[in-house]
Amino acid sequence: MNSRVVANEVYIPVVRELLEEGKEVSLTVSGNSMSPFFIHTRDKVLLGPVDDGMHKGDIAIFQRKSGQFVLHRICRVSEEGQYFFIGDAQTQAEGPVGRNQIFGKVKAVCRKGTWLKPGDFWWEFFEHVWLRMIPARRLACRCYDTLKKLTGGLQNRKKGLEG
């Protein structure tokens, strides 16, 4: 299947319209603010309309007052119904965000070619465990990056020995 890159300013308003019609839309992730759960241009999300409320841990797409579109995780909902969001790679929450700014909710995620949905291990880990690790995220990400480099180096050495 052929794909093409379309600017967010052009594509996201169409996505918003489809979501408001009750349809689901697949979107390739761009940016690093949701790393390590989403990897830039590798992973996809299936967005659906916000039909069953929004809760702490949900991932939603919203439009900032500046006009920028953001896909982040809800880290808190105030008693007044205001939402506070945070990217999985971030340590500072953003908000308040009004319900009228939120127009889609992530229903499934395609990570490394495998579709995940609520109930799957990695989905639950990031929704429940990672969300509570906000103060320790930088250290956890550094450890993850180091481990990735080490295992990547081992795989490259193994390939060299086999070749």
C-alpha atoms as a PDB file:
ATOM      1  CA  MET A   1       0.000   0.000   0.000  1.00  0.00           C
ATOM      2  CA  ASN A   2       1.335   3.428  -0.897  1.00  0.00           C
ATOM      3  CA  SER A   3       1.438   6.129   1.728  1.00  0.00           C
ATOM      4  CA  ARG A   4       2.172   9.805   1.668  1.00  0.00           C
ATOM      5  CA  VAL A   5       2.986  12.423   4.232  1.00  0.00           C
ATOM      6  CA  VAL A   6       0.394  15.143   4.738  1.00  0.00           C
ATOM      7  CA  ALA A   7       0.906  18.173   6.985  1.00  0.00           C
ATOM      8  CA  ASN A   8      -0.953  17.990  10.306  1.00  0.00           C
ATOM      9  CA  GLU A   9      -2.669  21.326   9.618  1.00  0.00           C
ATOM     10  CA  VAL A  10      -4.288  19.745   6.550  1.00  0.00           C
ATOM     11  CA  TYR A  11      -4.854  16.165   7.748  1.00  0.00           C
ATOM     12  CA  ILE A  12      -5.974  16.546  11.373  1.00  0.00           C
ATOM     13  CA  PRO A  13      -9.039  18.722  10.606  1.00  0.00           C
ATOM     14  CA  VAL A  14     -10.204  15.919   8.264  1.00  0.00           C
ATOM     15  CA  VAL A  15      -9.535  13.365  11.017  1.00  0.00           C
ATOM     16  CA  ARG A  16     -11.525  15.517  13.451  1.00  0.00           C
ATOM     17  CA  GLU A  17     -14.461  15.702  11.048  1.00  0.00           C
ATOM     18  CA  LEU A  18     -14.470  11.912  10.573  1.00  0.00           C
ATOM     19  CA  LEU A  19     -14.330  11.354  14.344  1.00  0.00           C
ATOM     20  CA  GLU A  20     -17.230  13.762  14.852  1.00  0.00           C
ATOM     21  CA  GLU A  21     -19.190  11.653  12.334  1.00  0.00           C
ATOM     22  CA  GLY A  22     -18.569   8.624  14.586  1.00  0.00           C
ATOM     23  CA  LYS A  23     -15.919   6.987  12.408  1.00  0.00           C
ATOM     24  CA  GLU A  24     -12.548   5.532  13.437  1.00  0.00           C
ATOM     25  CA  VAL A  25      -9.327   6.764  11.848  1.00  0.00           C
ATOM     26  CA  SER A  26      -5.795   5.362  11.760  1.00  0.00           C
ATOM     27  CA  LEU A  27      -2.955   7.820  12.216  1.00  0.00           C
ATOM     28  CA  THR A  28       0.825   7.377  12.116  1.00  0.00           C
ATOM     29  CA  VAL A  29       2.462   8.867  15.187  1.00  0.00           C
ATOM     30  CA  SER A  30       4.851  11.767  14.702  1.00  0.00           C
ATOM     31  CA  GLY A  31       6.974  13.276  17.431  1.00  0.00           C
ATOM     32  CA  ASN A  32       8.730  11.846  20.459  1.00  0.00           C
ATOM     33  CA  SER A  33       6.631  13.108  23.366  1.00  0.00           C
ATOM     34  CA  MET A  34       4.888   9.721  23.787  1.00  0.00           C
ATOM     35  CA  SER A  35       8.076   7.668  23.695  1.00  0.00           C
ATOM     36  CA  PRO A  36       8.708   4.919  24.716  1.00  0.00           C
ATOM     37  CA  PHE A  37       5.102   3.752  24.149  1.00  0.00           C
ATOM     38  CA  PHE A  38       4.914   5.333  20.690  1.00  0.00           C
ATOM     39  CA  ILE A  39       7.931   5.634  18.422  1.00  0.00           C
ATOM     40  CA  HIS A  40       8.035   8.456  15.852  1.00  0.00           C
ATOM     41  CA  THR A  41       6.805   7.300  12.384  1.00  0.00           C
ATOM     42  CA  ARG A  42       6.995   3.604  13.389  1.00  0.00           C
ATOM     43  CA  ASP A  43       3.753   3.271  15.323  1.00  0.00           C
ATOM     44  CA  LYS A  44       0.117   3.936  14.490  1.00  0.00           C
ATOM     45  CA  VAL A  45      -2.938   4.681  16.581  1.00  0.00           C
ATOM     46  CA  LEU A  46      -6.573   3.934  15.905  1.00  0.00           C
ATOM     47  CA  LEU A  47      -8.576   6.958  16.976  1.00  0.00           C
ATOM     48  CA  GLY A  48     -12.247   6.792  17.748  1.00  0.00           C
ATOM     49  CA  PRO A  49     -14.814   9.291  18.917  1.00  0.00           C
ATOM     50  CA  VAL A  50     -14.922  10.185  22.592  1.00  0.00           C
ATOM     51  CA  ASP A  51     -18.132   8.317  23.349  1.00  0.00           C
ATOM     52  CA  ASP A  52     -17.649   6.763  26.760  1.00  0.00           C
ATOM     53  CA  GLY A  53     -16.037   9.532  28.756  1.00  0.00           C
ATOM     54  CA  MET A  54     -12.422  10.250  29.447  1.00  0.00           C
ATOM     55  CA  HIS A  55     -10.457   8.883  32.378  1.00  0.00           C
ATOM     56  CA  LYS A  56      -6.981   9.085  33.869  1.00  0.00           C
ATOM     57  CA  GLY A  57      -4.678   6.937  31.723  1.00  0.00           C
ATOM     58  CA  ASP A  58      -6.625   7.384  28.474  1.00  0.00           C
ATOM     59  CA  ILE A  59      -4.761   8.722  25.443  1.00  0.00           C
ATOM     60  CA  ALA A  60      -6.597  11.435  23.566  1.00  0.00           C
ATOM     61  CA  ILE A  61      -6.056  13.953  20.814  1.00  0.00           C
ATOM     62  CA  PHE A  62      -6.828  17.582  21.533  1.00  0.00           C
ATOM     63  CA  GLN A  63      -6.217  20.995  20.078  1.00  0.00           C
ATOM     64  CA  ARG A  64      -4.290  23.544  22.100  1.00  0.00           C
ATOM     65  CA  LYS A  65      -5.562  27.102  22.182  1.00  0.00           C
ATOM     66  CA  SER A  66      -2.562  27.916  19.946  1.00  0.00           C
ATOM     67  CA  GLY A  67      -4.079  25.622  17.287  1.00  0.00           C
ATOM     68  CA  GLN A  68      -1.473  22.844  17.675  1.00  0.00           C
ATOM     69  CA  PHE A  69      -2.745  19.247  17.793  1.00  0.00           C
ATOM     70  CA  VAL A  70      -1.465  16.989  20.573  1.00  0.00           C
ATOM     71  CA  LEU A  71      -1.801  13.269  21.309  1.00  0.00           C
ATOM     72  CA  HIS A  72      -1.059  12.703  25.026  1.00  0.00           C
ATOM     73  CA  ARG A  73      -2.208  10.727  28.037  1.00  0.00           C
ATOM     74  CA  ILE A  74      -4.624  12.083  30.648  1.00  0.00           C
ATOM     75  CA  CYS A  75      -2.821  12.249  33.973  1.00  0.00           C
ATOM     76  CA  ARG A  76      -5.569  13.950  35.977  1.00  0.00           C
ATOM     77  CA  VAL A  77      -9.189  15.044  35.725  1.00  0.00           C
ATOM     78  CA  SER A  78     -10.230  17.866  38.024  1.00  0.00           C
ATOM     79  CA  GLU A  79     -13.525  17.944  39.930  1.00  0.00           C
ATOM     80  CA  GLU A  80     -14.615  20.702  37.519  1.00  0.00           C
ATOM     81  CA  GLY A  81     -14.125  18.370  34.545  1.00  0.00           C
ATOM     82  CA  GLN A  82     -10.882  19.926  33.312  1.00  0.00           C
ATOM     83  CA  TYR A  83      -8.252  17.569  31.886  1.00  0.00           C
ATOM     84  CA  PHE A  84      -4.497  17.539  32.454  1.00  0.00           C
ATOM     85  CA  PHE A  85      -2.298  15.740  29.932  1.00  0.00           C
ATOM     86  CA  ILE A  86       1.263  14.471  29.841  1.00  0.00           C
ATOM     87  CA  GLY A  87       3.352  12.793  27.157  1.00  0.00           C
ATOM     88  CA  ASP A  88       4.932   9.491  28.189  1.00  0.00           C
ATOM     89  CA  ALA A  89       8.385  11.048  27.666  1.00  0.00           C
ATOM     90  CA  GLN A  90       7.545  14.113  29.736  1.00  0.00           C
ATOM     91  CA  THR A  91       7.624  15.009  33.422  1.00  0.00           C
ATOM     92  CA  GLN A  92       5.406  18.124  33.377  1.00  0.00           C
ATOM     93  CA  ALA A  93       1.631  18.029  32.937  1.00  0.00           C
ATOM     94  CA  GLU A  94      -0.211  20.394  30.609  1.00  0.00           C
ATOM     95  CA  GLY A  95      -3.586  21.847  31.377  1.00  0.00           C
ATOM     96  CA  PRO A  96      -6.237  22.538  32.086  1.00  0.00           C
ATOM     97  CA  VAL A  97      -7.685  21.352  28.771  1.00  0.00           C
ATOM     98  CA  GLY A  98     -11.424  21.707  28.300  1.00  0.00           C
ATOM     99  CA  ARG A  99     -13.568  18.839  27.058  1.00  0.00           C
ATOM    100  CA  ASN A 100     -14.430  20.935  23.986  1.00  0.00           C
ATOM    101  CA  GLN A 101     -10.744  20.809  22.934  1.00  0.00           C
ATOM    102  CA  ILE A 102     -10.656  16.977  22.992  1.00  0.00           C
ATOM    103  CA  PHE A 103     -11.972  15.319  19.840  1.00  0.00           C
ATOM    104  CA  GLY A 104     -10.641  11.758  19.728  1.00  0.00           C
ATOM    105  CA  LYS A 105      -9.595   8.886  21.933  1.00  0.00           C
ATOM    106  CA  VAL A 106      -7.029   6.183  21.170  1.00  0.00           C
ATOM    107  CA  LYS A 107      -8.805   2.813  20.889  1.00  0.00           C
ATOM    108  CA  ALA A 108      -5.817   0.698  19.772  1.00  0.00           C
ATOM    109  CA  VAL A 109      -2.105   1.080  19.062  1.00  0.00           C
ATOM    110  CA  CYS A 110       0.049  -0.645  16.455  1.00  0.00           C
ATOM    111  CA  ARG A 111       3.507  -1.017  18.057  1.00  0.00           C
ATOM    112  CA  LYS A 112       6.211  -2.745  16.040  1.00  0.00           C
ATOM    113  CA  GLY A 113       3.526  -4.110  13.714  1.00  0.00           C
ATOM    114  CA  THR A 114       1.361  -5.623  16.486  1.00  0.00           C
ATOM    115  CA  TRP A 115      -1.996  -4.135  17.450  1.00  0.00           C
ATOM    116  CA  LEU A 116      -2.522  -3.565  21.178  1.00  0.00           C
ATOM    117  CA  LYS A 117      -5.694  -2.531  22.950  1.00  0.00           C
ATOM    118  CA  PRO A 118      -6.852  -2.068  26.545  1.00  0.00           C
ATOM    119  CA  GLY A 119      -6.122  -5.228  28.504  1.00  0.00           C
ATOM    120  CA  ASP A 120      -2.867  -6.032  26.690  1.00  0.00           C
ATOM    121  CA  PHE A 121       0.259  -6.048  28.880  1.00  0.00           C
ATOM    122  CA  TRP A 122       2.069  -3.037  27.386  1.00  0.00           C
ATOM    123  CA  TRP A 123      -1.131  -0.997  27.190  1.00  0.00           C
ATOM    124  CA  GLU A 124      -1.820  -1.632  30.882  1.00  0.00           C
ATOM    125  CA  PHE A 125       1.813  -1.034  31.854  1.00  0.00           C
ATOM    126  CA  PHE A 126       1.895   2.438  30.303  1.00  0.00           C
ATOM    127  CA  GLU A 127      -1.619   3.334  31.458  1.00  0.00           C
ATOM    128  CA  HIS A 128      -1.125   2.309  35.078  1.00  0.00           C
ATOM    129  CA  VAL A 129       2.555   1.837  35.985  1.00  0.00           C
ATOM    130  CA  TRP A 130       4.322   4.327  33.698  1.00  0.00           C
ATOM    131  CA  LEU A 131       1.792   7.046  34.501  1.00  0.00           C
ATOM    132  CA  ARG A 132       2.701   6.749  38.194  1.00  0.00           C
ATOM    133  CA  MET A 133       6.446   6.890  37.454  1.00  0.00           C
ATOM    134  CA  ILE A 134       6.484  10.547  36.366  1.00  0.00           C
ATOM    135  CA  PRO A 135       9.306  11.609  38.745  1.00  0.00           C
ATOM    136  CA  ALA A 136      11.472   8.621  37.698  1.00  0.00           C
ATOM    137  CA  ARG A 137      10.810   8.743  33.946  1.00  0.00           C
ATOM    138  CA  ARG A 138      14.060  10.411  32.901  1.00  0.00           C
ATOM    139  CA  LEU A 139      16.113   7.772  34.705  1.00  0.00           C
ATOM    140  CA  ALA A 140      13.938   4.937  33.346  1.00  0.00           C
ATOM    141  CA  CYS A 141      14.296   6.283  29.773  1.00  0.00           C
ATOM    142  CA  ARG A 142      18.080   6.553  30.141  1.00  0.00           C
ATOM    143  CA  CYS A 143      18.243   2.949  31.380  1.00  0.00           C
ATOM    144  CA  TYR A 144      16.024   1.835  28.477  1.00  0.00           C
ATOM    145  CA  ASP A 145      18.214   3.656  25.920  1.00  0.00           C
ATOM    146  CA  THR A 146      21.380   2.150  27.410  1.00  0.00           C
ATOM    147  CA  LEU A 147      19.878  -1.340  27.360  1.00  0.00           C
ATOM    148  CA  LYS A 148      18.778  -0.843  23.742  1.00  0.00           C
ATOM    149  CA  LYS A 149      22.287   0.215  22.735  1.00  0.00           C
ATOM    150  CA  LEU A 150      23.833  -2.738  24.540  1.00  0.00           C
ATOM    151  CA  THR A 151      21.468  -5.294  23.012  1.00  0.00           C
ATOM    152  CA  GLY A 152      21.820  -3.665  19.598  1.00  0.00           C
ATOM    153  CA  GLY A 153      25.601  -3.939  19.892  1.00  0.00           C
ATOM    154  CA  LEU A 154      25.317  -7.593  20.880  1.00  0.00           C
ATOM    155  CA  GLN A 155      23.035  -8.316  17.917  1.00  0.00           C
ATOM    156  CA  ASN A 156      25.475  -6.596  15.552  1.00  0.00           C
ATOM    157  CA  ARG A 157      28.399  -8.616  16.930  1.00  0.00           C
ATOM    158  CA  LYS A 158      26.394 -11.829  16.555  1.00  0.00           C
ATOM    159  CA  LYS A 159      25.595 -10.961  12.931  1.00  0.00           C
ATOM    160  CA  GLY A 160      29.296 -10.290  12.314  1.00  0.00           C
ATOM    161  CA  LEU A 161      30.233 -13.698  13.700  1.00  0.00           C
ATOM    162  CA  GLU A 162      27.574 -15.439  11.590  1.00  0.00           C
ATOM    163  CA  GLY A 163      28.516 -13.573   8.405  1.00  0.00           C
END
